[in-house]
Amino acid sequence: MIYMALAALMYVCGFVFLYGVVRIAVRHGIEDVDLRRERAAQSPERDRLRERSLVPDDAFLAGS
């Protein structure tokens, strides 16, 4: 009988552990997606800033 109780306890603890691992993995995945989304939104702004900073140095290329 003690073995059945021990097996049930380990079974439940295993599911709780797996739930925690999956929850942490999903949370980190969502954080990664949010970070990539922010970087993708900022990349056009960065490109514009780079472009703007290059225009005074190479004004002849900009058609000015």
Protein backbone atom coordinates (compact mmCIF):
# COMPACT_ATOMS: atom_id res chain seq x y z
CA MET A 1 0.00 0.00 0.00
CA ILE A 2 2.87 2.36 0.79
CA TYR A 3 4.25 1.78 -2.70
CA MET A 4 0.95 2.82 -4.27
CA ALA A 5 0.88 6.01 -2.19
CA LEU A 6 4.50 6.73 -3.07
CA ALA A 7 3.84 6.10 -6.76
CA ALA A 8 0.80 8.40 -6.70
CA LEU A 9 2.79 11.09 -4.92
CA MET A 10 5.64 10.87 -7.44
CA TYR A 11 3.12 10.89 -10.29
CA VAL A 12 1.51 14.09 -9.00
CA CYS A 13 4.87 15.72 -8.27
CA GLY A 14 6.02 14.86 -11.78
CA PHE A 15 3.03 16.61 -13.32
CA VAL A 16 3.54 19.65 -11.10
CA PHE A 17 7.21 19.77 -12.10
CA LEU A 18 6.39 19.45 -15.80
CA TYR A 19 3.75 22.17 -15.48
CA GLY A 20 6.37 24.49 -13.97
CA VAL A 21 8.94 23.71 -16.65
CA VAL A 22 6.44 24.27 -19.47
CA ARG A 23 5.21 27.48 -17.85
CA ILE A 24 8.76 28.85 -17.57
CA ALA A 25 9.53 27.86 -21.17
CA VAL A 26 6.39 29.57 -22.47
CA ARG A 27 7.12 32.71 -20.46
CA HIS A 28 10.66 32.92 -21.83
CA GLY A 29 9.36 32.29 -25.34
CA ILE A 30 6.84 35.12 -25.02
CA GLU A 31 9.57 37.44 -23.70
CA ASP A 32 11.76 36.55 -26.69
CA VAL A 33 8.93 37.26 -29.12
CA ASP A 34 8.24 40.61 -27.45
CA LEU A 35 11.92 41.53 -27.60
CA ARG A 36 12.16 40.61 -31.28
CA ARG A 37 8.98 42.58 -31.99
CA GLU A 38 10.45 45.66 -30.27
CA ARG A 39 13.71 45.31 -32.21
CA ALA A 40 11.81 44.93 -35.48
CA ALA A 41 9.80 48.07 -34.72
CA GLN A 42 12.97 50.00 -33.92
CA SER A 43 14.94 48.90 -36.98
CA PRO A 44 13.27 51.35 -39.42
CA GLU A 45 13.98 54.15 -36.95
CA ARG A 46 17.61 53.05 -36.69
CA ASP A 47 17.88 52.90 -40.47
CA ARG A 48 16.50 56.43 -40.77
CA LEU A 49 18.98 57.69 -38.17
CA ARG A 50 21.87 56.00 -39.95
CA GLU A 51 20.72 57.39 -43.25
CA ARG A 52 20.36 60.88 -41.81
CA SER A 53 23.83 60.72 -40.28
CA LEU A 54 25.37 59.69 -43.62
CA VAL A 55 23.78 62.47 -45.68
CA PRO A 56 26.03 65.35 -44.50
CA ASP A 57 29.17 63.28 -45.15
CA ASP A 58 28.05 62.11 -48.57
CA ALA A 59 25.76 64.95 -49.65
CA PHE A 60 26.67 64.44 -53.29
CA LEU A 61 25.10 60.95 -53.11
CA ALA A 62 21.88 62.30 -51.63
CA GLY A 63 21.19 64.54 -54.61
CA SER A 64 21.57 67.80 -52.66
